[in-house]
Amino acid sequence: YENEKIKTIYAQNKGKYLLQKLETINIDKALKSNGINPIHFKGISLALYLYLSPDYRQVGNDIDIYVNQKDYDKAKKVLCDLGYISLEKEGANNPHHIKLRKHFFIIELHPKRCA
């Protein structure tokens, strides 16, 4: 029973990892084609460096991305053009990040403040 449970969890992680990887690649291409250089952190980016096989790490539904402060609004528009919708209430102003959603993916877009 335990072996089957572990195999099931691994297969789910692997599928989720592959979907998130493809979505991250699509987002990355769209941002870069608009002159925005994203920095990915946590999630699958971290898994690539810390695990023998990245799908060993259980991934969440969110993809965290830093963009330069000057590109923040432009990046939000690019994500909206990809079908993401803001989860923030109209007029809400979170200085740390904004959350956007498409299907089961959630993007946390963070402004990178340069010193």
N, C-alpha and C. Protein backbone atom coordinates (compact mmCIF):
# COMPACT_ATOMS: atom_id res chain seq x y z
N TYR A 1 0.82 -1.21 0.00
CA TYR A 1 0.00 0.00 0.00
C TYR A 1 0.86 1.26 0.00
N GLU A 2 1.86 1.32 0.88
CA GLU A 2 2.73 2.51 0.97
C GLU A 2 3.50 2.74 -0.32
N ASN A 3 3.98 1.66 -0.93
CA ASN A 3 4.71 1.79 -2.19
C ASN A 3 3.84 2.38 -3.28
N GLU A 4 2.60 1.93 -3.36
CA GLU A 4 1.66 2.45 -4.36
C GLU A 4 1.35 3.92 -4.10
N LYS A 5 1.21 4.25 -2.84
CA LYS A 5 0.93 5.64 -2.47
C LYS A 5 2.09 6.55 -2.88
N ILE A 6 3.30 6.10 -2.62
CA ILE A 6 4.50 6.87 -2.99
C ILE A 6 4.59 7.02 -4.51
N LYS A 7 4.31 5.95 -5.24
CA LYS A 7 4.34 5.99 -6.70
C LYS A 7 3.30 6.98 -7.23
N THR A 8 2.13 6.99 -6.63
CA THR A 8 1.07 7.90 -7.04
C THR A 8 1.47 9.35 -6.80
N ILE A 9 2.01 9.62 -5.62
CA ILE A 9 2.45 10.99 -5.29
C ILE A 9 3.56 11.42 -6.24
N TYR A 10 4.51 10.53 -6.51
CA TYR A 10 5.59 10.86 -7.43
C TYR A 10 5.06 11.17 -8.82
N ALA A 11 4.12 10.36 -9.31
CA ALA A 11 3.54 10.60 -10.65
C ALA A 11 2.80 11.93 -10.69
N GLN A 12 2.08 12.26 -9.63
CA GLN A 12 1.38 13.55 -9.57
C GLN A 12 2.38 14.71 -9.57
N ASN A 13 3.44 14.58 -8.77
CA ASN A 13 4.46 15.62 -8.72
C ASN A 13 5.12 15.81 -10.08
N LYS A 14 5.42 14.70 -10.73
CA LYS A 14 6.09 14.76 -12.03
C LYS A 14 5.20 15.47 -13.05
N GLY A 15 3.91 15.11 -13.08
CA GLY A 15 2.99 15.76 -14.01
C GLY A 15 2.85 17.25 -13.74
N LYS A 16 2.70 17.59 -12.46
CA LYS A 16 2.56 18.99 -12.06
C LYS A 16 3.84 19.77 -12.40
N TYR A 17 4.99 19.14 -12.12
CA TYR A 17 6.27 19.77 -12.43
C TYR A 17 6.39 20.07 -13.92
N LEU A 18 6.04 19.10 -14.75
CA LEU A 18 6.16 19.30 -16.20
C LEU A 18 5.23 20.41 -16.70
N LEU A 19 4.00 20.43 -16.20
CA LEU A 19 3.07 21.50 -16.59
C LEU A 19 3.60 22.87 -16.16
N GLN A 20 4.09 22.94 -14.93
CA GLN A 20 4.60 24.21 -14.43
C GLN A 20 5.86 24.65 -15.18
N LYS A 21 6.68 23.68 -15.54
CA LYS A 21 7.89 23.99 -16.31
C LYS A 21 7.52 24.59 -17.67
N LEU A 22 6.56 23.96 -18.36
CA LEU A 22 6.12 24.47 -19.66
C LEU A 22 5.53 25.88 -19.54
N GLU A 23 4.72 26.09 -18.50
CA GLU A 23 4.11 27.40 -18.31
C GLU A 23 5.18 28.44 -17.99
N THR A 24 6.17 28.06 -17.18
CA THR A 24 7.26 28.98 -16.85
C THR A 24 8.05 29.36 -18.10
N ILE A 25 8.29 28.40 -18.97
CA ILE A 25 9.00 28.67 -20.23
C ILE A 25 8.19 29.64 -21.09
N ASN A 26 6.87 29.42 -21.20
CA ASN A 26 6.02 30.32 -21.99
C ASN A 26 6.03 31.74 -21.43
N ILE A 27 5.93 31.85 -20.12
CA ILE A 27 5.96 33.17 -19.47
C ILE A 27 7.30 33.84 -19.72
N ASP A 28 8.37 33.08 -19.54
CA ASP A 28 9.71 33.60 -19.72
C ASP A 28 9.91 34.15 -21.14
N LYS A 29 9.46 33.38 -22.13
CA LYS A 29 9.58 33.82 -23.53
C LYS A 29 8.78 35.10 -23.78
N ALA A 30 7.56 35.15 -23.26
CA ALA A 30 6.71 36.33 -23.47
C ALA A 30 7.32 37.57 -22.81
N LEU A 31 7.81 37.42 -21.60
CA LEU A 31 8.42 38.57 -20.91
C LEU A 31 9.68 39.03 -21.64
N LYS A 32 10.54 38.09 -22.00
CA LYS A 32 11.80 38.44 -22.67
C LYS A 32 11.54 39.07 -24.04
N SER A 33 10.51 38.61 -24.76
CA SER A 33 10.21 39.19 -26.07
C SER A 33 9.68 40.62 -25.92
N ASN A 34 9.30 41.00 -24.71
CA ASN A 34 8.86 42.37 -24.43
C ASN A 34 9.93 43.17 -23.69
N GLY A 35 11.17 42.67 -23.73
CA GLY A 35 12.29 43.40 -23.14
C GLY A 35 12.36 43.33 -21.62
N ILE A 36 11.71 42.34 -21.04
CA ILE A 36 11.69 42.19 -19.58
C ILE A 36 12.51 40.95 -19.21
N ASN A 37 13.44 41.12 -18.29
CA ASN A 37 14.27 40.00 -17.85
C ASN A 37 13.78 39.49 -16.50
N PRO A 38 13.02 38.39 -16.51
CA PRO A 38 12.49 37.87 -15.24
C PRO A 38 13.53 37.10 -14.45
N ILE A 39 13.36 37.12 -13.14
CA ILE A 39 14.17 36.29 -12.26
C ILE A 39 13.20 35.36 -11.55
N HIS A 40 13.39 34.07 -11.75
CA HIS A 40 12.53 33.07 -11.13
C HIS A 40 13.18 32.61 -9.83
N PHE A 41 12.37 32.44 -8.81
CA PHE A 41 12.92 31.91 -7.56
C PHE A 41 11.90 31.00 -6.90
N LYS A 42 12.39 30.16 -6.02
CA LYS A 42 11.57 29.13 -5.36
C LYS A 42 11.04 28.17 -6.41
N GLY A 43 10.08 27.36 -6.04
CA GLY A 43 9.42 26.46 -6.97
C GLY A 43 10.35 25.61 -7.81
N ILE A 44 10.03 25.51 -9.11
CA ILE A 44 10.79 24.62 -9.98
C ILE A 44 12.22 25.11 -10.20
N SER A 45 12.45 26.41 -10.13
CA SER A 45 13.81 26.92 -10.28
C SER A 45 14.71 26.38 -9.19
N LEU A 46 14.21 26.37 -7.97
CA LEU A 46 14.96 25.84 -6.84
C LEU A 46 15.13 24.33 -6.97
N ALA A 47 14.09 23.66 -7.40
CA ALA A 47 14.14 22.20 -7.53
C ALA A 47 15.23 21.75 -8.51
N LEU A 48 15.46 22.54 -9.55
CA LEU A 48 16.48 22.18 -10.55
C LEU A 48 17.87 22.11 -9.93
N TYR A 49 18.12 22.91 -8.90
CA TYR A 49 19.44 22.98 -8.31
C TYR A 49 19.60 22.10 -7.06
N LEU A 50 18.53 21.78 -6.38
CA LEU A 50 18.64 21.08 -5.10
C LEU A 50 18.33 19.59 -5.14
N TYR A 51 17.69 19.14 -6.20
CA TYR A 51 17.25 17.75 -6.22
C TYR A 51 17.87 17.00 -7.39
N LEU A 52 18.17 15.73 -7.15
CA LEU A 52 18.71 14.88 -8.20
C LEU A 52 17.77 14.88 -9.40
N SER A 53 16.49 14.78 -9.12
CA SER A 53 15.46 14.88 -10.14
C SER A 53 14.46 15.92 -9.64
N PRO A 54 14.24 17.01 -10.37
CA PRO A 54 13.38 18.09 -9.87
C PRO A 54 11.97 17.65 -9.50
N ASP A 55 11.47 16.58 -10.11
CA ASP A 55 10.11 16.15 -9.80
C ASP A 55 10.03 15.40 -8.47
N TYR A 56 11.16 15.22 -7.78
CA TYR A 56 11.12 14.67 -6.42
C TYR A 56 10.53 15.69 -5.46
N ARG A 57 10.68 16.96 -5.78
CA ARG A 57 10.18 18.02 -4.90
C ARG A 57 8.71 18.26 -5.20
N GLN A 58 7.92 18.31 -4.16
CA GLN A 58 6.50 18.61 -4.35
C GLN A 58 6.37 20.09 -4.69
N VAL A 59 5.75 20.38 -5.83
CA VAL A 59 5.60 21.77 -6.27
C VAL A 59 4.21 22.27 -5.95
N GLY A 60 4.14 23.56 -5.69
CA GLY A 60 2.85 24.20 -5.45
C GLY A 60 2.27 24.68 -6.77
N ASN A 61 1.25 25.49 -6.69
CA ASN A 61 0.62 26.02 -7.90
C ASN A 61 1.16 27.38 -8.28
N ASP A 62 1.99 27.97 -7.43
CA ASP A 62 2.43 29.33 -7.72
C ASP A 62 3.81 29.36 -8.36
N ILE A 63 4.00 30.38 -9.17
CA ILE A 63 5.28 30.64 -9.83
C ILE A 63 5.69 32.05 -9.41
N ASP A 64 6.80 32.15 -8.69
CA ASP A 64 7.28 33.44 -8.21
C ASP A 64 8.26 34.04 -9.21
N ILE A 65 8.01 35.30 -9.58
CA ILE A 65 8.85 35.98 -10.56
C ILE A 65 9.16 37.39 -10.07
N TYR A 66 10.44 37.73 -10.10
CA TYR A 66 10.87 39.10 -9.87
C TYR A 66 11.08 39.77 -11.22
N VAL A 67 10.66 41.02 -11.34
CA VAL A 67 11.00 41.84 -12.50
C VAL A 67 11.46 43.19 -11.99
N ASN A 68 12.23 43.87 -12.80
CA ASN A 68 12.70 45.20 -12.44
C ASN A 68 11.50 46.10 -12.17
N GLN A 69 11.62 46.94 -11.19
CA GLN A 69 10.53 47.85 -10.80
C GLN A 69 9.98 48.61 -12.01
N LYS A 70 10.87 49.07 -12.89
CA LYS A 70 10.43 49.86 -14.06
C LYS A 70 9.61 49.02 -15.05
N ASP A 71 9.75 47.70 -15.00
CA ASP A 71 9.03 46.80 -15.91
C ASP A 71 7.79 46.16 -15.29
N TYR A 72 7.50 46.50 -14.04
CA TYR A 72 6.45 45.83 -13.28
C TYR A 72 5.08 45.92 -13.97
N ASP A 73 4.65 47.12 -14.33
CA ASP A 73 3.34 47.29 -14.98
C ASP A 73 3.31 46.62 -16.35
N LYS A 74 4.40 46.73 -17.07
CA LYS A 74 4.49 46.10 -18.39
C LYS A 74 4.42 44.58 -18.26
N ALA A 75 5.10 44.03 -17.25
CA ALA A 75 5.07 42.58 -17.02
C ALA A 75 3.66 42.12 -16.67
N LYS A 76 2.96 42.90 -15.88
CA LYS A 76 1.58 42.55 -15.53
C LYS A 76 0.72 42.51 -16.79
N LYS A 77 0.91 43.46 -17.69
CA LYS A 77 0.15 43.49 -18.94
C LYS A 77 0.48 42.26 -19.81
N VAL A 78 1.75 41.90 -19.88
CA VAL A 78 2.16 40.73 -20.66
C VAL A 78 1.47 39.48 -20.10
N LEU A 79 1.45 39.35 -18.79
CA LEU A 79 0.80 38.19 -18.18
C LEU A 79 -0.70 38.20 -18.45
N CYS A 80 -1.31 39.36 -18.39
CA CYS A 80 -2.74 39.47 -18.71
C CYS A 80 -3.00 39.09 -20.17
N ASP A 81 -2.09 39.47 -21.06
CA ASP A 81 -2.21 39.10 -22.48
C ASP A 81 -2.10 37.58 -22.67
N LEU A 82 -1.41 36.91 -21.73
CA LEU A 82 -1.29 35.45 -21.78
C LEU A 82 -2.51 34.76 -21.17
N GLY A 83 -3.46 35.55 -20.68
CA GLY A 83 -4.68 34.98 -20.12
C GLY A 83 -4.77 34.99 -18.61
N TYR A 84 -3.79 35.58 -17.95
CA TYR A 84 -3.82 35.66 -16.49
C TYR A 84 -4.75 36.80 -16.06
N ILE A 85 -5.43 36.58 -14.96
CA ILE A 85 -6.28 37.64 -14.40
C ILE A 85 -5.81 37.93 -12.97
N SER A 86 -5.90 39.18 -12.60
CA SER A 86 -5.46 39.61 -11.28
C SER A 86 -6.38 39.05 -10.21
N LEU A 87 -5.80 38.61 -9.12
CA LEU A 87 -6.56 38.16 -7.96
C LEU A 87 -6.69 39.27 -6.92
N GLU A 88 -6.08 40.42 -7.21
CA GLU A 88 -6.12 41.55 -6.29
C GLU A 88 -7.42 42.30 -6.47
N LYS A 89 -7.95 42.82 -5.40
CA LYS A 89 -9.15 43.64 -5.49
C LYS A 89 -8.80 44.94 -6.19
N GLU A 90 -9.75 45.45 -6.96
CA GLU A 90 -9.55 46.70 -7.68
C GLU A 90 -9.16 47.79 -6.69
N GLY A 91 -8.06 48.48 -6.99
CA GLY A 91 -7.60 49.57 -6.13
C GLY A 91 -6.69 49.13 -5.00
N ALA A 92 -6.56 47.81 -4.79
CA ALA A 92 -5.66 47.32 -3.73
C ALA A 92 -4.22 47.55 -4.18
N ASN A 93 -3.39 47.93 -3.26
CA ASN A 93 -2.01 48.24 -3.61
C ASN A 93 -1.08 47.47 -2.68
N ASN A 94 -0.62 46.30 -3.11
CA ASN A 94 0.33 45.51 -2.35
C ASN A 94 1.72 45.84 -2.88
N PRO A 95 2.57 46.46 -2.07
CA PRO A 95 3.89 46.87 -2.57
C PRO A 95 4.85 45.70 -2.78
N HIS A 96 4.49 44.51 -2.27
CA HIS A 96 5.42 43.37 -2.34
C HIS A 96 5.22 42.50 -3.56
N HIS A 97 3.98 42.31 -3.99
CA HIS A 97 3.71 41.49 -5.17
C HIS A 97 2.24 41.59 -5.53
N ILE A 98 1.96 41.10 -6.72
CA ILE A 98 0.57 40.96 -7.16
C ILE A 98 0.39 39.51 -7.57
N LYS A 99 -0.79 38.97 -7.32
CA LYS A 99 -1.10 37.60 -7.72
C LYS A 99 -2.00 37.62 -8.94
N LEU A 100 -1.66 36.76 -9.89
CA LEU A 100 -2.46 36.59 -11.09
C LEU A 100 -2.71 35.11 -11.29
N ARG A 101 -3.85 34.77 -11.90
CA ARG A 101 -4.22 33.36 -12.05
C ARG A 101 -4.65 33.04 -13.47
N LYS A 102 -4.27 31.84 -13.90
CA LYS A 102 -4.77 31.25 -15.15
C LYS A 102 -4.90 29.76 -14.90
N HIS A 103 -6.08 29.23 -15.06
CA HIS A 103 -6.37 27.83 -14.74
C HIS A 103 -5.94 27.56 -13.29
N PHE A 104 -5.04 26.63 -13.08
CA PHE A 104 -4.60 26.37 -11.70
C PHE A 104 -3.24 26.99 -11.39
N PHE A 105 -2.70 27.76 -12.33
CA PHE A 105 -1.42 28.44 -12.09
C PHE A 105 -1.66 29.78 -11.42
N ILE A 106 -0.84 30.09 -10.43
CA ILE A 106 -0.87 31.40 -9.80
C ILE A 106 0.52 32.00 -9.91
N ILE A 107 0.57 33.20 -10.46
CA ILE A 107 1.83 33.93 -10.58
C ILE A 107 1.89 34.94 -9.44
N GLU A 108 3.00 34.97 -8.75
CA GLU A 108 3.28 36.05 -7.81
C GLU A 108 4.36 36.89 -8.48
N LEU A 109 3.95 38.06 -8.93
CA LEU A 109 4.85 38.97 -9.63
C LEU A 109 5.39 39.98 -8.62
N HIS A 110 6.70 39.97 -8.44
CA HIS A 110 7.35 40.82 -7.44
C HIS A 110 8.17 41.90 -8.13
N PRO A 111 8.06 43.16 -7.67
CA PRO A 111 8.94 44.20 -8.21
C PRO A 111 10.31 44.12 -7.56
N LYS A 112 11.35 44.11 -8.37
CA LYS A 112 12.72 44.11 -7.85
C LYS A 112 13.18 45.55 -7.75
N ARG A 113 13.42 45.97 -6.55
CA ARG A 113 13.87 47.34 -6.33
C ARG A 113 15.39 47.38 -6.34
N CYS A 114 15.95 48.10 -7.27
CA CYS A 114 17.41 48.19 -7.38
C CYS A 114 17.91 49.21 -6.37
N ALA A 115 19.05 48.89 -5.78
CA ALA A 115 19.65 49.80 -4.78
C ALA A 115 20.41 50.91 -5.47
